[in-house]
Amino acid sequence: MVRMSAEERRESVIRAATSEFARGGYHGTSTEAIAKRVGVSQPYLFRLFPGKKAIFLAAADRCVDDTIRTFQEASEGLEGEEAVHAMAHAYTEVIAERPELLMLQMQMYVAVAAAEEAGDHEFGEAVRTGWMRLWDTVHLPLGADLNETTTFMAYGMLINCLVSMGFPPEHRVWEGLYTSARLEGRLEK
């Protein structure tokens, strides 16, 4: 039997936490469930991470990193509309193939709202920092155009919400999105 290094275990915890937090949210997920999924004890889990919040923030950071990498790879060497199309297509593929990333994103926003309400600003700061890294990643290929970046991110958040609510692709709610995108030249059909 091959033993994993602490770094490999840490990676397995982040993957497990991504799945668990995506499904149950911050408050609905126990560290016991994460430890069980990884196959380690809770005390070992806390040797890798100081607490549940650190595990959640590591998973959230990885989620943002994965999305940033998706956008960077898709837009490499492209600008403007070509970059918009490439990033949108790549993101659509990612959320279809790895829905836990989309669900974790949504859980991140809920966790921030709940934490801010309770006076805990650490969650918000960490998630907002990640969001700004994501914003900057999109902003540059779009010519550092504020309106283009805002529009791209707004469409992305709407898509996140519609997918999270389970609207199937053929539902009429998508038609307005497709029509708006076609009118702006963002979608060919």
Protein backbone atom coordinates (compact mmCIF):
# COMPACT_ATOMS: atom_id res chain seq x y z
CA MET A 1 0.00 0.00 0.00
CA VAL A 2 1.38 3.39 -1.04
CA ARG A 3 1.23 6.08 1.63
CA MET A 4 0.20 9.58 0.64
CA SER A 5 2.27 12.57 1.57
CA ALA A 6 0.67 15.32 3.66
CA GLU A 7 0.39 17.45 0.51
CA GLU A 8 -1.39 14.64 -1.35
CA ARG A 9 -3.75 14.18 1.62
CA ARG A 10 -4.34 17.93 1.66
CA GLU A 11 -5.30 17.78 -2.02
CA SER A 12 -7.65 14.88 -1.38
CA VAL A 13 -9.26 16.86 1.46
CA ILE A 14 -9.79 19.85 -0.84
CA ARG A 15 -11.41 17.63 -3.49
CA ALA A 16 -13.63 15.93 -0.91
CA ALA A 17 -14.52 19.27 0.70
CA THR A 18 -15.46 20.68 -2.70
CA SER A 19 -17.97 17.88 -3.21
CA GLU A 20 -19.31 17.94 0.34
CA PHE A 21 -19.62 21.73 0.63
CA ALA A 22 -21.14 21.94 -2.87
CA ARG A 23 -23.89 19.61 -1.75
CA GLY A 24 -24.41 20.71 1.86
CA GLY A 25 -23.09 24.25 2.13
CA TYR A 26 -20.85 25.48 4.90
CA HIS A 27 -23.28 25.00 7.78
CA GLY A 28 -24.77 21.75 6.46
CA THR A 29 -21.45 19.97 6.00
CA SER A 30 -19.58 18.34 8.84
CA THR A 31 -15.85 17.88 9.02
CA GLU A 32 -16.68 14.28 9.89
CA ALA A 33 -18.26 13.82 6.45
CA ILE A 34 -15.17 15.28 4.76
CA ALA A 35 -12.79 13.12 6.83
CA LYS A 36 -14.87 10.02 6.08
CA ARG A 37 -14.89 10.76 2.35
CA VAL A 38 -11.09 11.11 2.38
CA GLY A 39 -10.60 8.12 4.65
CA VAL A 40 -8.82 9.94 7.47
CA SER A 41 -9.69 10.72 11.06
CA GLN A 42 -10.96 14.14 12.09
CA PRO A 43 -7.82 14.74 14.21
CA TYR A 44 -5.69 14.09 11.11
CA LEU A 45 -7.90 16.45 9.11
CA PHE A 46 -7.18 19.16 11.68
CA ARG A 47 -3.46 18.55 11.36
CA LEU A 48 -3.81 19.50 7.71
CA PHE A 49 -6.18 22.44 8.27
CA PRO A 50 -6.74 24.46 11.45
CA GLY A 51 -10.55 24.19 11.23
CA LYS A 52 -13.67 23.91 9.12
CA LYS A 53 -13.46 27.51 7.92
CA ALA A 54 -9.92 26.91 6.60
CA ILE A 55 -11.09 23.80 4.75
CA PHE A 56 -14.01 25.69 3.22
CA LEU A 57 -11.83 28.61 2.18
CA ALA A 58 -9.24 26.25 0.64
CA ALA A 59 -12.00 24.57 -1.40
CA ALA A 60 -13.43 27.97 -2.37
CA ASP A 61 -10.00 29.21 -3.42
CA ARG A 62 -9.46 26.08 -5.52
CA CYS A 63 -12.85 26.58 -7.15
CA VAL A 64 -11.91 30.13 -8.13
CA ASP A 65 -8.44 28.98 -9.30
CA ASP A 66 -10.04 26.32 -11.51
CA THR A 67 -12.41 28.87 -13.03
CA ILE A 68 -9.57 31.33 -13.59
CA ARG A 69 -7.49 28.63 -15.27
CA THR A 70 -10.46 27.76 -17.49
CA PHE A 71 -10.82 31.39 -18.60
CA GLN A 72 -7.06 31.89 -19.07
CA GLU A 73 -6.65 28.77 -21.19
CA ALA A 74 -9.75 29.53 -23.26
CA SER A 75 -8.82 33.16 -23.95
CA GLU A 76 -5.10 32.68 -24.55
CA GLY A 77 -4.12 34.79 -27.55
CA LEU A 78 -7.68 36.07 -28.04
CA GLU A 79 -9.31 39.42 -27.43
CA GLY A 80 -12.77 40.97 -27.46
CA GLU A 81 -15.63 38.91 -28.88
CA GLU A 82 -13.37 35.94 -29.65
CA ALA A 83 -12.32 35.85 -26.00
CA VAL A 84 -15.95 36.20 -24.85
CA HIS A 85 -17.05 33.24 -26.97
CA ALA A 86 -14.09 31.09 -26.00
CA MET A 87 -14.43 31.76 -22.26
CA ALA A 88 -18.21 31.30 -22.30
CA HIS A 89 -17.90 28.00 -24.18
CA ALA A 90 -15.16 26.72 -21.87
CA TYR A 91 -17.13 27.67 -18.75
CA THR A 92 -20.27 25.98 -20.10
CA GLU A 93 -18.26 22.79 -20.57
CA VAL A 94 -16.77 22.99 -17.08
CA ILE A 95 -20.11 23.40 -15.32
CA ALA A 96 -21.57 20.55 -17.37
CA GLU A 97 -18.64 18.24 -16.59
CA ARG A 98 -18.00 19.36 -12.99
CA PRO A 99 -21.28 20.65 -11.54
CA GLU A 100 -19.78 20.62 -8.05
CA LEU A 101 -17.71 23.69 -9.01
CA LEU A 102 -20.85 25.61 -9.90
CA MET A 103 -22.62 24.49 -6.76
CA LEU A 104 -19.63 25.38 -4.58
CA GLN A 105 -19.60 28.86 -6.12
CA MET A 106 -23.22 29.30 -5.15
CA GLN A 107 -22.53 27.95 -1.65
CA MET A 108 -19.64 30.42 -1.32
CA TYR A 109 -22.00 33.35 -1.80
CA VAL A 110 -24.49 31.96 0.72
CA ALA A 111 -21.69 31.37 3.25
CA VAL A 112 -20.46 34.94 2.85
CA ALA A 113 -23.95 36.38 3.34
CA ALA A 114 -24.52 34.29 6.48
CA ALA A 115 -21.08 35.10 7.89
CA GLU A 116 -21.40 38.82 7.21
CA GLU A 117 -24.79 38.81 8.93
CA ALA A 118 -23.13 37.19 11.95
CA GLY A 119 -20.30 39.75 11.95
CA ASP A 120 -17.64 37.40 10.54
CA HIS A 121 -15.95 39.29 7.72
CA GLU A 122 -13.14 36.78 7.03
CA PHE A 123 -15.31 34.72 4.68
CA GLY A 124 -16.35 37.78 2.74
CA GLU A 125 -12.83 39.12 2.40
CA ALA A 126 -11.49 35.79 1.13
CA VAL A 127 -14.32 35.21 -1.33
CA ARG A 128 -14.27 38.82 -2.58
CA THR A 129 -10.52 38.58 -3.14
CA GLY A 130 -11.08 35.47 -5.25
CA TRP A 131 -13.92 37.15 -7.13
CA MET A 132 -11.68 40.11 -7.96
CA ARG A 133 -8.98 37.76 -9.27
CA LEU A 134 -11.64 36.18 -11.46
CA TRP A 135 -12.87 39.62 -12.57
CA ASP A 136 -9.33 40.68 -13.50
CA THR A 137 -8.78 37.46 -15.44
CA VAL A 138 -11.85 38.21 -17.58
CA HIS A 139 -11.28 41.96 -17.74
CA LEU A 140 -7.95 41.88 -19.61
CA PRO A 141 -8.95 39.67 -22.58
CA LEU A 142 -12.02 41.86 -22.97
CA GLY A 143 -9.80 44.86 -23.58
CA ALA A 144 -10.12 46.08 -19.98
CA ASP A 145 -13.58 47.29 -20.99
CA LEU A 146 -15.69 47.76 -17.87
CA ASN A 147 -19.01 47.25 -19.67
CA GLU A 148 -17.86 44.10 -21.46
CA THR A 149 -16.51 42.63 -18.24
CA THR A 150 -19.67 43.51 -16.32
CA THR A 151 -21.86 42.01 -19.03
CA PHE A 152 -19.80 38.82 -19.20
CA MET A 153 -19.87 38.35 -15.43
CA ALA A 154 -23.58 39.20 -15.24
CA TYR A 155 -24.44 36.59 -17.88
CA GLY A 156 -22.27 34.11 -16.01
CA MET A 157 -24.05 34.73 -12.72
CA LEU A 158 -27.46 34.44 -14.38
CA ILE A 159 -26.38 31.16 -15.96
CA ASN A 160 -25.11 29.97 -12.57
CA CYS A 161 -28.47 30.76 -10.99
CA LEU A 162 -30.55 29.14 -13.73
CA VAL A 163 -28.42 25.99 -13.76
CA SER A 164 -28.45 25.84 -9.94
CA MET A 165 -32.24 26.02 -9.94
CA GLY A 166 -32.34 23.11 -12.39
CA PHE A 167 -33.83 24.80 -15.44
CA PRO A 168 -33.28 22.40 -18.36
CA PRO A 169 -31.66 23.88 -21.49
CA GLU A 170 -34.92 23.74 -23.45
CA HIS A 171 -36.90 25.71 -20.83
CA ARG A 172 -38.35 29.03 -22.00
CA VAL A 173 -36.38 30.95 -19.34
CA TRP A 174 -33.22 30.40 -21.41
CA GLU A 175 -34.75 31.84 -24.57
CA GLY A 176 -34.52 35.38 -23.22
CA LEU A 177 -30.86 34.84 -22.44
CA TYR A 178 -30.21 33.40 -25.90
CA THR A 179 -32.16 36.21 -27.57
CA SER A 180 -30.30 38.92 -25.64
CA ALA A 181 -26.95 37.32 -26.41
CA ARG A 182 -27.80 37.05 -30.12
CA LEU A 183 -28.88 40.69 -30.22
CA GLU A 184 -25.55 41.68 -28.75
CA GLY A 185 -23.71 39.38 -31.16
CA ARG A 186 -22.56 37.08 -28.33
CA LEU A 187 -24.19 33.90 -29.52
CA GLU A 188 -24.57 32.45 -32.97
CA LYS A 189 -27.71 30.52 -33.74
